[in-house]
Amino acid sequence: METPHDHLPGITDDPVIQLLLRGEASTLHEAEEKYLDAAIPEILALLDGPLSNDELARHPLLQLMLAHGSRGWEDSIL
């Protein structure tokens, strides 16, 4: 069941917020993880593109990815 939401520029057009509004994620962290998983091809294209390291560091998608970090040591294969 889809619930209509008023369009709020900068909020409801955010892909992470859309996942929450559609009920595809129950927390912000879960929505960000789902968005990042779906954005892997875009992330790889950015890394393979012409942007400098400084420009990449300022890109919102890569900032979100870096904010989520990597797996903790307890998930390491070592």
C-alpha atoms as a PDB file:
ATOM      1  CA  MET A   1       0.000   0.000   0.000  1.00  0.00           C
ATOM      2  CA  GLU A   2       1.540   3.240  -1.126  1.00  0.00           C
ATOM      3  CA  THR A   3       0.939   6.336   0.968  1.00  0.00           C
ATOM      4  CA  PRO A   4       0.921   9.671  -0.840  1.00  0.00           C
ATOM      5  CA  HIS A   5       3.336  12.242   0.564  1.00  0.00           C
ATOM      6  CA  ASP A   6       3.533  15.925  -0.147  1.00  0.00           C
ATOM      7  CA  HIS A   7       6.508  16.829  -2.298  1.00  0.00           C
ATOM      8  CA  LEU A   8       9.103  18.652  -0.228  1.00  0.00           C
ATOM      9  CA  PRO A   9      12.082  19.608  -2.443  1.00  0.00           C
ATOM     10  CA  GLY A  10      15.349  18.449  -0.949  1.00  0.00           C
ATOM     11  CA  ILE A  11      13.566  15.995   1.334  1.00  0.00           C
ATOM     12  CA  THR A  12      11.065  13.730  -0.413  1.00  0.00           C
ATOM     13  CA  ASP A  13      13.198  13.611  -3.570  1.00  0.00           C
ATOM     14  CA  ASP A  14      16.131  12.158  -1.615  1.00  0.00           C
ATOM     15  CA  PRO A  15      16.534   8.468  -2.565  1.00  0.00           C
ATOM     16  CA  VAL A  16      17.269   7.413   1.028  1.00  0.00           C
ATOM     17  CA  ILE A  17      14.164   9.178   2.345  1.00  0.00           C
ATOM     18  CA  GLN A  18      12.127   7.599  -0.469  1.00  0.00           C
ATOM     19  CA  LEU A  19      13.116   4.128   0.776  1.00  0.00           C
ATOM     20  CA  LEU A  20      11.795   5.056   4.229  1.00  0.00           C
ATOM     21  CA  LEU A  21       8.581   6.598   2.895  1.00  0.00           C
ATOM     22  CA  ARG A  22       7.860   3.527   0.745  1.00  0.00           C
ATOM     23  CA  GLY A  23       8.445   1.256   3.743  1.00  0.00           C
ATOM     24  CA  GLU A  24      11.399  -0.503   2.090  1.00  0.00           C
ATOM     25  CA  ALA A  25      13.558   0.285   5.132  1.00  0.00           C
ATOM     26  CA  SER A  26      12.616   0.730   8.747  1.00  0.00           C
ATOM     27  CA  THR A  27      15.608   2.799   9.889  1.00  0.00           C
ATOM     28  CA  LEU A  28      17.764   5.492   8.359  1.00  0.00           C
ATOM     29  CA  HIS A  29      20.818   3.249   8.602  1.00  0.00           C
ATOM     30  CA  GLU A  30      19.011   0.439   6.776  1.00  0.00           C
ATOM     31  CA  ALA A  31      17.833   2.854   4.064  1.00  0.00           C
ATOM     32  CA  GLU A  32      21.358   4.197   3.576  1.00  0.00           C
ATOM     33  CA  GLU A  33      22.740   0.652   3.327  1.00  0.00           C
ATOM     34  CA  LYS A  34      20.121  -0.312   0.728  1.00  0.00           C
ATOM     35  CA  TYR A  35      20.824   2.855  -1.243  1.00  0.00           C
ATOM     36  CA  LEU A  36      24.599   2.253  -1.152  1.00  0.00           C
ATOM     37  CA  ASP A  37      24.159  -1.366  -2.256  1.00  0.00           C
ATOM     38  CA  ALA A  38      22.104  -0.225  -5.249  1.00  0.00           C
ATOM     39  CA  ALA A  39      24.584   2.566  -6.041  1.00  0.00           C
ATOM     40  CA  ILE A  40      27.676   0.353  -6.409  1.00  0.00           C
ATOM     41  CA  PRO A  41      27.770   0.730 -10.233  1.00  0.00           C
ATOM     42  CA  GLU A  42      27.539   4.532  -9.853  1.00  0.00           C
ATOM     43  CA  ILE A  43      30.280   4.517  -7.204  1.00  0.00           C
ATOM     44  CA  LEU A  44      32.570   2.468  -9.458  1.00  0.00           C
ATOM     45  CA  ALA A  45      31.883   4.832 -12.367  1.00  0.00           C
ATOM     46  CA  LEU A  46      32.782   7.815 -10.180  1.00  0.00           C
ATOM     47  CA  LEU A  47      36.027   6.174  -9.092  1.00  0.00           C
ATOM     48  CA  ASP A  48      36.877   5.374 -12.711  1.00  0.00           C
ATOM     49  CA  GLY A  49      35.970   8.882 -13.879  1.00  0.00           C
ATOM     50  CA  PRO A  50      37.924  12.109 -14.260  1.00  0.00           C
ATOM     51  CA  LEU A  51      37.312  13.547 -10.779  1.00  0.00           C
ATOM     52  CA  SER A  52      40.324  14.333  -8.605  1.00  0.00           C
ATOM     53  CA  ASN A  53      40.681  12.806  -5.147  1.00  0.00           C
ATOM     54  CA  ASP A  54      39.559  16.109  -3.610  1.00  0.00           C
ATOM     55  CA  GLU A  55      36.458  16.212  -5.831  1.00  0.00           C
ATOM     56  CA  LEU A  56      35.672  12.583  -5.024  1.00  0.00           C
ATOM     57  CA  ALA A  57      36.018  13.305  -1.302  1.00  0.00           C
ATOM     58  CA  ARG A  58      33.369  16.035  -1.617  1.00  0.00           C
ATOM     59  CA  HIS A  59      30.901  13.957  -3.636  1.00  0.00           C
ATOM     60  CA  PRO A  60      27.770  13.249  -1.514  1.00  0.00           C
ATOM     61  CA  LEU A  61      27.555   9.596  -2.530  1.00  0.00           C
ATOM     62  CA  LEU A  62      31.145   8.891  -1.573  1.00  0.00           C
ATOM     63  CA  GLN A  63      30.772  10.883   1.647  1.00  0.00           C
ATOM     64  CA  LEU A  64      27.846   8.641   2.588  1.00  0.00           C
ATOM     65  CA  MET A  65      29.853   5.556   1.716  1.00  0.00           C
ATOM     66  CA  LEU A  66      32.816   6.698   3.810  1.00  0.00           C
ATOM     67  CA  ALA A  67      30.525   7.617   6.716  1.00  0.00           C
ATOM     68  CA  HIS A  68      29.369   3.990   6.825  1.00  0.00           C
ATOM     69  CA  GLY A  69      32.947   2.801   6.996  1.00  0.00           C
ATOM     70  CA  SER A  70      34.056  -0.771   6.666  1.00  0.00           C
ATOM     71  CA  ARG A  71      33.247  -3.915   8.593  1.00  0.00           C
ATOM     72  CA  GLY A  72      34.468  -4.083  12.157  1.00  0.00           C
ATOM     73  CA  TRP A  73      37.335  -6.319  13.153  1.00  0.00           C
ATOM     74  CA  GLU A  74      34.929  -8.966  14.451  1.00  0.00           C
ATOM     75  CA  ASP A  75      33.721  -9.469  10.853  1.00  0.00           C
ATOM     76  CA  SER A  76      37.260  -9.780   9.525  1.00  0.00           C
ATOM     77  CA  ILE A  77      38.458 -13.071   8.068  1.00  0.00           C
ATOM     78  CA  LEU A  78      41.668 -12.746  10.097  1.00  0.00           C
END
